[in-house]
Amino acid sequence: MPHKKLSDALPNSSANQDPTPWMKPVPAADYLGVSLKTLRNWTSARYVPFAKRGRVVRYHRAQLDAWLSRGACPGRATLANAPRT
């Protein structure tokens, strides 16, 4: 007889709920609808909001939503926004 996890047997278990708005890279890439490689490139370029502690990178769902609603990252310069000399 196969063993079941306790979280599968309990409908209101914290394992079945999303206890934190912080996402690991794979769920964040799925949330944004991009590949993991694209998300890593965006993170490296500081194009997308993220938090990093050591080598651990996380993405906050509310920050990603705000970033998407703005349509661009305010810290990223473009040629159109560059001052003319």
PDB file of N, CA and C in Angstrom:
ATOM      1  N   MET A   1       0.846  -1.177   0.000  1.00  0.00           N
ATOM      2  CA  MET A   1       0.000   0.000   0.000  1.00  0.00           C
ATOM      3  C   MET A   1       0.897   1.247   0.000  1.00  0.00           C
ATOM      4  N   PRO A   2       0.711   2.176  -0.957  1.00  0.00           N
ATOM      5  CA  PRO A   2       1.560   3.373  -1.003  1.00  0.00           C
ATOM      6  C   PRO A   2       1.235   4.316   0.144  1.00  0.00           C
ATOM      7  N   HIS A   3       2.263   4.988   0.614  1.00  0.00           N
ATOM      8  CA  HIS A   3       2.097   5.941   1.704  1.00  0.00           C
ATOM      9  C   HIS A   3       1.647   7.282   1.147  1.00  0.00           C
ATOM     10  N   LYS A   4       0.730   7.919   1.842  1.00  0.00           N
ATOM     11  CA  LYS A   4       0.275   9.258   1.486  1.00  0.00           C
ATOM     12  C   LYS A   4       0.964  10.272   2.376  1.00  0.00           C
ATOM     13  N   LYS A   5       1.182  11.443   1.824  1.00  0.00           N
ATOM     14  CA  LYS A   5       1.703  12.527   2.656  1.00  0.00           C
ATOM     15  C   LYS A   5       0.571  13.056   3.524  1.00  0.00           C
ATOM     16  N   LEU A   6       0.921  13.514   4.696  1.00  0.00           N
ATOM     17  CA  LEU A   6      -0.071  14.064   5.606  1.00  0.00           C
ATOM     18  C   LEU A   6      -0.759  15.278   4.999  1.00  0.00           C
ATOM     19  N   SER A   7      -0.013  16.098   4.234  1.00  0.00           N
ATOM     20  CA  SER A   7      -0.607  17.297   3.636  1.00  0.00           C
ATOM     21  C   SER A   7      -1.671  16.948   2.603  1.00  0.00           C
ATOM     22  N   ASP A   8      -1.580  15.746   1.988  1.00  0.00           N
ATOM     23  CA  ASP A   8      -2.599  15.323   1.024  1.00  0.00           C
ATOM     24  C   ASP A   8      -3.899  14.947   1.727  1.00  0.00           C
ATOM     25  N   ALA A   9      -3.795  14.473   2.948  1.00  0.00           N
ATOM     26  CA  ALA A   9      -4.972  14.030   3.683  1.00  0.00           C
ATOM     27  C   ALA A   9      -5.711  15.178   4.354  1.00  0.00           C
ATOM     28  N   LEU A  10      -5.021  16.269   4.633  1.00  0.00           N
ATOM     29  CA  LEU A  10      -5.633  17.395   5.328  1.00  0.00           C
ATOM     30  C   LEU A  10      -5.974  18.501   4.340  1.00  0.00           C
ATOM     31  N   PRO A  11      -7.260  18.825   4.153  1.00  0.00           N
ATOM     32  CA  PRO A  11      -7.639  19.827   3.152  1.00  0.00           C
ATOM     33  C   PRO A  11      -7.181  21.241   3.489  1.00  0.00           C
ATOM     34  N   ASN A  12      -7.069  21.599   4.763  1.00  0.00           N
ATOM     35  CA  ASN A  12      -6.686  22.952   5.155  1.00  0.00           C
ATOM     36  C   ASN A  12      -5.240  23.025   5.618  1.00  0.00           C
ATOM     37  N   SER A  13      -4.443  22.091   5.181  1.00  0.00           N
ATOM     38  CA  SER A  13      -3.043  22.062   5.583  1.00  0.00           C
ATOM     39  C   SER A  13      -2.301  23.245   4.970  1.00  0.00           C
ATOM     40  N   SER A  14      -1.312  23.773   5.705  1.00  0.00           N
ATOM     41  CA  SER A  14      -0.524  24.900   5.203  1.00  0.00           C
ATOM     42  C   SER A  14       0.305  24.504   3.998  1.00  0.00           C
ATOM     43  N   ALA A  15       0.564  23.210   3.786  1.00  0.00           N
ATOM     44  CA  ALA A  15       1.318  22.763   2.623  1.00  0.00           C
ATOM     45  C   ALA A  15       0.507  22.932   1.351  1.00  0.00           C
ATOM     46  N   ASN A  16      -0.831  22.941   1.454  1.00  0.00           N
ATOM     47  CA  ASN A  16      -1.688  23.103   0.285  1.00  0.00           C
ATOM     48  C   ASN A  16      -1.969  24.568  -0.034  1.00  0.00           C
ATOM     49  N   GLN A  17      -1.604  25.477   0.845  1.00  0.00           N
ATOM     50  CA  GLN A  17      -1.851  26.886   0.652  1.00  0.00           C
ATOM     51  C   GLN A  17      -0.544  27.589   0.322  1.00  0.00           C
ATOM     52  N   ASP A  18      -0.644  28.769  -0.258  1.00  0.00           N
ATOM     53  CA  ASP A  18       0.547  29.557  -0.546  1.00  0.00           C
ATOM     54  C   ASP A  18       0.774  30.496   0.632  1.00  0.00           C
ATOM     55  N   PRO A  19       1.658  30.118   1.570  1.00  0.00           N
ATOM     56  CA  PRO A  19       1.808  30.896   2.792  1.00  0.00           C
ATOM     57  C   PRO A  19       2.601  32.188   2.612  1.00  0.00           C
ATOM     58  N   THR A  20       3.302  32.345   1.511  1.00  0.00           N
ATOM     59  CA  THR A  20       4.145  33.516   1.331  1.00  0.00           C
ATOM     60  C   THR A  20       4.012  34.053  -0.091  1.00  0.00           C
ATOM     61  N   PRO A  21       4.105  35.362  -0.254  1.00  0.00           N
ATOM     62  CA  PRO A  21       4.056  35.920  -1.605  1.00  0.00           C
ATOM     63  C   PRO A  21       5.403  35.825  -2.326  1.00  0.00           C
ATOM     64  N   TRP A  22       6.436  35.339  -1.637  1.00  0.00           N
ATOM     65  CA  TRP A  22       7.763  35.229  -2.247  1.00  0.00           C
ATOM     66  C   TRP A  22       7.834  33.967  -3.087  1.00  0.00           C
ATOM     67  N   MET A  23       8.303  34.108  -4.324  1.00  0.00           N
ATOM     68  CA  MET A  23       8.370  32.981  -5.238  1.00  0.00           C
ATOM     69  C   MET A  23       9.810  32.654  -5.604  1.00  0.00           C
ATOM     70  N   LYS A  24      10.067  31.378  -5.801  1.00  0.00           N
ATOM     71  CA  LYS A  24      11.344  30.920  -6.325  1.00  0.00           C
ATOM     72  C   LYS A  24      11.365  31.216  -7.826  1.00  0.00           C
ATOM     73  N   PRO A  25      12.515  31.102  -8.475  1.00  0.00           N
ATOM     74  CA  PRO A  25      12.609  31.458  -9.891  1.00  0.00           C
ATOM     75  C   PRO A  25      11.659  30.707 -10.826  1.00  0.00           C
ATOM     76  N   VAL A  26      11.498  29.412 -10.667  1.00  0.00           N
ATOM     77  CA  VAL A  26      10.640  28.656 -11.593  1.00  0.00           C
ATOM     78  C   VAL A  26       9.181  29.103 -11.499  1.00  0.00           C
ATOM     79  N   PRO A  27       8.579  29.187 -10.299  1.00  0.00           N
ATOM     80  CA  PRO A  27       7.205  29.696 -10.234  1.00  0.00           C
ATOM     81  C   PRO A  27       7.077  31.145 -10.705  1.00  0.00           C
ATOM     82  N   ALA A  28       8.109  31.963 -10.450  1.00  0.00           N
ATOM     83  CA  ALA A  28       8.059  33.358 -10.899  1.00  0.00           C
ATOM     84  C   ALA A  28       8.080  33.438 -12.418  1.00  0.00           C
ATOM     85  N   ALA A  29       8.883  32.610 -13.056  1.00  0.00           N
ATOM     86  CA  ALA A  29       8.922  32.584 -14.518  1.00  0.00           C
ATOM     87  C   ALA A  29       7.570  32.143 -15.070  1.00  0.00           C
ATOM     88  N   ASP A  30       6.961  31.127 -14.452  1.00  0.00           N
ATOM     89  CA  ASP A  30       5.629  30.687 -14.864  1.00  0.00           C
ATOM     90  C   ASP A  30       4.606  31.797 -14.669  1.00  0.00           C
ATOM     91  N   TYR A  31       4.704  32.500 -13.550  1.00  0.00           N
ATOM     92  CA  TYR A  31       3.784  33.594 -13.240  1.00  0.00           C
ATOM     93  C   TYR A  31       3.871  34.706 -14.291  1.00  0.00           C
ATOM     94  N   LEU A  32       5.094  35.002 -14.725  1.00  0.00           N
ATOM     95  CA  LEU A  32       5.301  36.049 -15.736  1.00  0.00           C
ATOM     96  C   LEU A  32       5.075  35.549 -17.162  1.00  0.00           C
ATOM     97  N   GLY A  33       5.029  34.242 -17.332  1.00  0.00           N
ATOM     98  CA  GLY A  33       4.812  33.680 -18.662  1.00  0.00           C
ATOM     99  C   GLY A  33       6.058  33.727 -19.534  1.00  0.00           C
ATOM    100  N   VAL A  34       7.231  33.627 -18.915  1.00  0.00           N
ATOM    101  CA  VAL A  34       8.492  33.632 -19.657  1.00  0.00           C
ATOM    102  C   VAL A  34       9.286  32.398 -19.258  1.00  0.00           C
ATOM    103  N   SER A  35      10.318  32.110 -20.023  1.00  0.00           N
ATOM    104  CA  SER A  35      11.164  30.971 -19.679  1.00  0.00           C
ATOM    105  C   SER A  35      12.049  31.315 -18.491  1.00  0.00           C
ATOM    106  N   LEU A  36      12.556  30.285 -17.854  1.00  0.00           N
ATOM    107  CA  LEU A  36      13.461  30.486 -16.720  1.00  0.00           C
ATOM    108  C   LEU A  36      14.725  31.212 -17.170  1.00  0.00           C
ATOM    109  N   LYS A  37      15.202  30.903 -18.355  1.00  0.00           N
ATOM    110  CA  LYS A  37      16.393  31.569 -18.887  1.00  0.00           C
ATOM    111  C   LYS A  37      16.143  33.065 -19.068  1.00  0.00           C
ATOM    112  N   THR A  38      14.973  33.432 -19.566  1.00  0.00           N
ATOM    113  CA  THR A  38      14.629  34.844 -19.736  1.00  0.00           C
ATOM    114  C   THR A  38      14.567  35.542 -18.388  1.00  0.00           C
ATOM    115  N   LEU A  39      13.936  34.898 -17.404  1.00  0.00           N
ATOM    116  CA  LEU A  39      13.862  35.502 -16.074  1.00  0.00           C
ATOM    117  C   LEU A  39      15.259  35.690 -15.487  1.00  0.00           C
ATOM    118  N   ARG A  40      16.126  34.725 -15.677  1.00  0.00           N
ATOM    119  CA  ARG A  40      17.498  34.858 -15.169  1.00  0.00           C
ATOM    120  C   ARG A  40      18.234  35.989 -15.876  1.00  0.00           C
ATOM    121  N   ASN A  41      18.027  36.139 -17.178  1.00  0.00           N
ATOM    122  CA  ASN A  41      18.648  37.254 -17.906  1.00  0.00           C
ATOM    123  C   ASN A  41      18.119  38.586 -17.395  1.00  0.00           C
ATOM    124  N   TRP A  42      16.813  38.690 -17.186  1.00  0.00           N
ATOM    125  CA  TRP A  42      16.220  39.922 -16.677  1.00  0.00           C
ATOM    126  C   TRP A  42      16.746  40.236 -15.279  1.00  0.00           C
ATOM    127  N   THR A  43      16.909  39.208 -14.446  1.00  0.00           N
ATOM    128  CA  THR A  43      17.423  39.405 -13.091  1.00  0.00           C
ATOM    129  C   THR A  43      18.860  39.888 -13.138  1.00  0.00           C
ATOM    130  N   SER A  44      19.653  39.275 -13.977  1.00  0.00           N
ATOM    131  CA  SER A  44      21.054  39.671 -14.115  1.00  0.00           C
ATOM    132  C   SER A  44      21.192  41.112 -14.582  1.00  0.00           C
ATOM    133  N   ALA A  45      20.290  41.536 -15.463  1.00  0.00           N
ATOM    134  CA  ALA A  45      20.303  42.907 -15.978  1.00  0.00           C
ATOM    135  C   ALA A  45      19.579  43.877 -15.047  1.00  0.00           C
ATOM    136  N   ARG A  46      19.053  43.373 -13.938  1.00  0.00           N
ATOM    137  CA  ARG A  46      18.275  44.167 -12.977  1.00  0.00           C
ATOM    138  C   ARG A  46      17.064  44.830 -13.641  1.00  0.00           C
ATOM    139  N   TYR A  47      16.471  44.099 -14.564  1.00  0.00           N
ATOM    140  CA  TYR A  47      15.302  44.581 -15.295  1.00  0.00           C
ATOM    141  C   TYR A  47      14.010  44.297 -14.529  1.00  0.00           C
ATOM    142  N   VAL A  48      13.996  43.212 -13.791  1.00  0.00           N
ATOM    143  CA  VAL A  48      12.816  42.784 -13.049  1.00  0.00           C
ATOM    144  C   VAL A  48      13.116  42.911 -11.547  1.00  0.00           C
ATOM    145  N   PRO A  49      12.120  43.276 -10.710  1.00  0.00           N
ATOM    146  CA  PRO A  49      12.385  43.400  -9.269  1.00  0.00           C
ATOM    147  C   PRO A  49      12.608  42.030  -8.623  1.00  0.00           C
ATOM    148  N   PHE A  50      13.602  41.973  -7.750  1.00  0.00           N
ATOM    149  CA  PHE A  50      13.914  40.733  -7.051  1.00  0.00           C
ATOM    150  C   PHE A  50      14.620  41.056  -5.748  1.00  0.00           C
ATOM    151  N   ALA A  51      14.729  40.063  -4.887  1.00  0.00           N
ATOM    152  CA  ALA A  51      15.486  40.180  -3.647  1.00  0.00           C
ATOM    153  C   ALA A  51      16.501  39.051  -3.633  1.00  0.00           C
ATOM    154  N   LYS A  52      17.684  39.343  -3.117  1.00  0.00           N
ATOM    155  CA  LYS A  52      18.739  38.339  -3.099  1.00  0.00           C
ATOM    156  C   LYS A  52      19.454  38.358  -1.757  1.00  0.00           C
ATOM    157  N   ARG A  53      19.601  37.215  -1.166  1.00  0.00           N
ATOM    158  CA  ARG A  53      20.366  37.021   0.066  1.00  0.00           C
ATOM    159  C   ARG A  53      21.379  35.925  -0.230  1.00  0.00           C
ATOM    160  N   GLY A  54      22.630  36.309  -0.356  1.00  0.00           N
ATOM    161  CA  GLY A  54      23.639  35.333  -0.751  1.00  0.00           C
ATOM    162  C   GLY A  54      23.364  34.893  -2.173  1.00  0.00           C
ATOM    163  N   ARG A  55      23.168  33.596  -2.351  1.00  0.00           N
ATOM    164  CA  ARG A  55      22.858  33.083  -3.690  1.00  0.00           C
ATOM    165  C   ARG A  55      21.375  32.789  -3.870  1.00  0.00           C
ATOM    166  N   VAL A  56      20.563  33.098  -2.856  1.00  0.00           N
ATOM    167  CA  VAL A  56      19.130  32.819  -2.905  1.00  0.00           C
ATOM    168  C   VAL A  56      18.410  34.013  -3.508  1.00  0.00           C
ATOM    169  N   VAL A  57      17.705  33.781  -4.614  1.00  0.00           N
ATOM    170  CA  VAL A  57      16.955  34.834  -5.302  1.00  0.00           C
ATOM    171  C   VAL A  57      15.466  34.531  -5.170  1.00  0.00           C
ATOM    172  N   ARG A  58      14.697  35.550  -4.798  1.00  0.00           N
ATOM    173  CA  ARG A  58      13.246  35.410  -4.693  1.00  0.00           C
ATOM    174  C   ARG A  58      12.569  36.609  -5.346  1.00  0.00           C
ATOM    175  N   TYR A  59      11.338  36.385  -5.774  1.00  0.00           N
ATOM    176  CA  TYR A  59      10.540  37.413  -6.450  1.00  0.00           C
ATOM    177  C   TYR A  59       9.242  37.579  -5.678  1.00  0.00           C
ATOM    178  N   HIS A  60       8.889  38.808  -5.342  1.00  0.00           N
ATOM    179  CA  HIS A  60       7.671  39.091  -4.586  1.00  0.00           C
ATOM    180  C   HIS A  60       6.526  39.325  -5.572  1.00  0.00           C
ATOM    181  N   ARG A  61       5.437  38.612  -5.354  1.00  0.00           N
ATOM    182  CA  ARG A  61       4.302  38.666  -6.280  1.00  0.00           C
ATOM    183  C   ARG A  61       3.769  40.088  -6.452  1.00  0.00           C
ATOM    184  N   ALA A  62       3.638  40.855  -5.371  1.00  0.00           N
ATOM    185  CA  ALA A  62       3.108  42.223  -5.457  1.00  0.00           C
ATOM    186  C   ALA A  62       4.070  43.134  -6.218  1.00  0.00           C
ATOM    187  N   GLN A  63       5.372  42.950  -6.031  1.00  0.00           N
ATOM    188  CA  GLN A  63       6.354  43.758  -6.763  1.00  0.00           C
ATOM    189  C   GLN A  63       6.332  43.432  -8.249  1.00  0.00           C
ATOM    190  N   LEU A  64       6.149  42.159  -8.579  1.00  0.00           N
ATOM    191  CA  LEU A  64       6.047  41.778  -9.994  1.00  0.00           C
ATOM    192  C   LEU A  64       4.778  42.367 -10.619  1.00  0.00           C
ATOM    193  N   ASP A  65       3.679  42.349  -9.865  1.00  0.00           N
ATOM    194  CA  ASP A  65       2.433  42.936 -10.368  1.00  0.00           C
ATOM    195  C   ASP A  65       2.596  44.431 -10.614  1.00  0.00           C
ATOM    196  N   ALA A  66       3.229  45.131  -9.681  1.00  0.00           N
ATOM    197  CA  ALA A  66       3.450  46.573  -9.841  1.00  0.00           C
ATOM    198  C   ALA A  66       4.371  46.839 -11.031  1.00  0.00           C
ATOM    199  N   TRP A  67       5.401  46.020 -11.185  1.00  0.00           N
ATOM    200  CA  TRP A  67       6.332  46.161 -12.303  1.00  0.00           C
ATOM    201  C   TRP A  67       5.607  45.956 -13.636  1.00  0.00           C
ATOM    202  N   LEU A  68       4.744  44.954 -13.689  1.00  0.00           N
ATOM    203  CA  LEU A  68       3.988  44.704 -14.912  1.00  0.00           C
ATOM    204  C   LEU A  68       3.026  45.848 -15.217  1.00  0.00           C
ATOM    205  N   SER A  69       2.407  46.404 -14.181  1.00  0.00           N
ATOM    206  CA  SER A  69       1.439  47.479 -14.409  1.00  0.00           C
ATOM    207  C   SER A  69       2.126  48.774 -14.868  1.00  0.00           C
ATOM    208  N   ARG A  70       3.377  48.982 -14.461  1.00  0.00           N
ATOM    209  CA  ARG A  70       4.119  50.158 -14.932  1.00  0.00           C
ATOM    210  C   ARG A  70       4.553  50.007 -16.378  1.00  0.00           C
ATOM    211  N   GLY A  71       4.765  48.783 -16.804  1.00  0.00           N
ATOM    212  CA  GLY A  71       5.165  48.542 -18.186  1.00  0.00           C
ATOM    213  C   GLY A  71       6.657  48.639 -18.418  1.00  0.00           C
ATOM    214  N   ALA A  72       7.411  49.095 -17.430  1.00  0.00           N
ATOM    215  CA  ALA A  72       8.863  49.186 -17.575  1.00  0.00           C
ATOM    216  C   ALA A  72       9.479  49.362 -16.195  1.00  0.00           C
ATOM    217  N   CYS A  73      10.719  49.093 -16.099  1.00  0.00           N
ATOM    218  CA  CYS A  73      11.451  49.282 -14.853  1.00  0.00           C
ATOM    219  C   CYS A  73      11.966  50.714 -14.814  1.00  0.00           C
ATOM    220  N   PRO A  74      11.662  51.491 -13.783  1.00  0.00           N
ATOM    221  CA  PRO A  74      12.052  52.896 -13.772  1.00  0.00           C
ATOM    222  C   PRO A  74      13.565  53.124 -13.726  1.00  0.00           C
ATOM    223  N   GLY A  75      14.314  52.148 -13.261  1.00  0.00           N
ATOM    224  CA  GLY A  75      15.752  52.323 -13.155  1.00  0.00           C
ATOM    225  C   GLY A  75      16.503  52.031 -14.443  1.00  0.00           C
ATOM    226  N   ARG A  76      15.828  51.535 -15.435  1.00  0.00           N
ATOM    227  CA  ARG A  76      16.491  51.138 -16.668  1.00  0.00           C
ATOM    228  C   ARG A  76      16.405  52.279 -17.673  1.00  0.00           C
ATOM    229  N   ALA A  77      17.538  52.756 -18.126  1.00  0.00           N
ATOM    230  CA  ALA A  77      17.581  53.862 -19.076  1.00  0.00           C
ATOM    231  C   ALA A  77      17.443  53.340 -20.505  1.00  0.00           C
ATOM    232  N   THR A  78      16.779  54.108 -21.334  1.00  0.00           N
ATOM    233  CA  THR A  78      16.677  53.799 -22.754  1.00  0.00           C
ATOM    234  C   THR A  78      17.197  54.969 -23.542  1.00  0.00           C
ATOM    235  N   LEU A  79      17.454  54.772 -24.779  1.00  0.00           N
ATOM    236  CA  LEU A  79      17.942  55.862 -25.624  1.00  0.00           C
ATOM    237  C   LEU A  79      16.906  56.978 -25.756  1.00  0.00           C
ATOM    238  N   ALA A  80      15.637  56.604 -25.732  1.00  0.00           N
ATOM    239  CA  ALA A  80      14.577  57.615 -25.859  1.00  0.00           C
ATOM    240  C   ALA A  80      14.549  58.526 -24.640  1.00  0.00           C
ATOM    241  N   ASN A  81      14.960  58.024 -23.484  1.00  0.00           N
ATOM    242  CA  ASN A  81      14.935  58.802 -22.249  1.00  0.00           C
ATOM    243  C   ASN A  81      16.263  59.493 -21.948  1.00  0.00           C
ATOM    244  N   ALA A  82      17.273  59.243 -22.767  1.00  0.00           N
ATOM    245  CA  ALA A  82      18.586  59.820 -22.509  1.00  0.00           C
ATOM    246  C   ALA A  82      18.576  61.329 -22.718  1.00  0.00           C
ATOM    247  N   PRO A  83      19.282  62.062 -21.880  1.00  0.00           N
ATOM    248  CA  PRO A  83      19.329  63.514 -22.047  1.00  0.00           C
ATOM    249  C   PRO A  83      20.083  63.869 -23.329  1.00  0.00           C
ATOM    250  N   ARG A  84      19.578  64.875 -24.008  1.00  0.00           N
ATOM    251  CA  ARG A  84      20.224  65.305 -25.258  1.00  0.00           C
ATOM    252  C   ARG A  84      21.285  66.345 -24.963  1.00  0.00           C
ATOM    253  N   THR A  85      22.388  66.225 -25.645  1.00  0.00           N
ATOM    254  CA  THR A  85      23.481  67.174 -25.425  1.00  0.00           C
ATOM    255  C   THR A  85      23.706  68.054 -26.643  1.00  0.00           C
TER     256      THR A  85
END
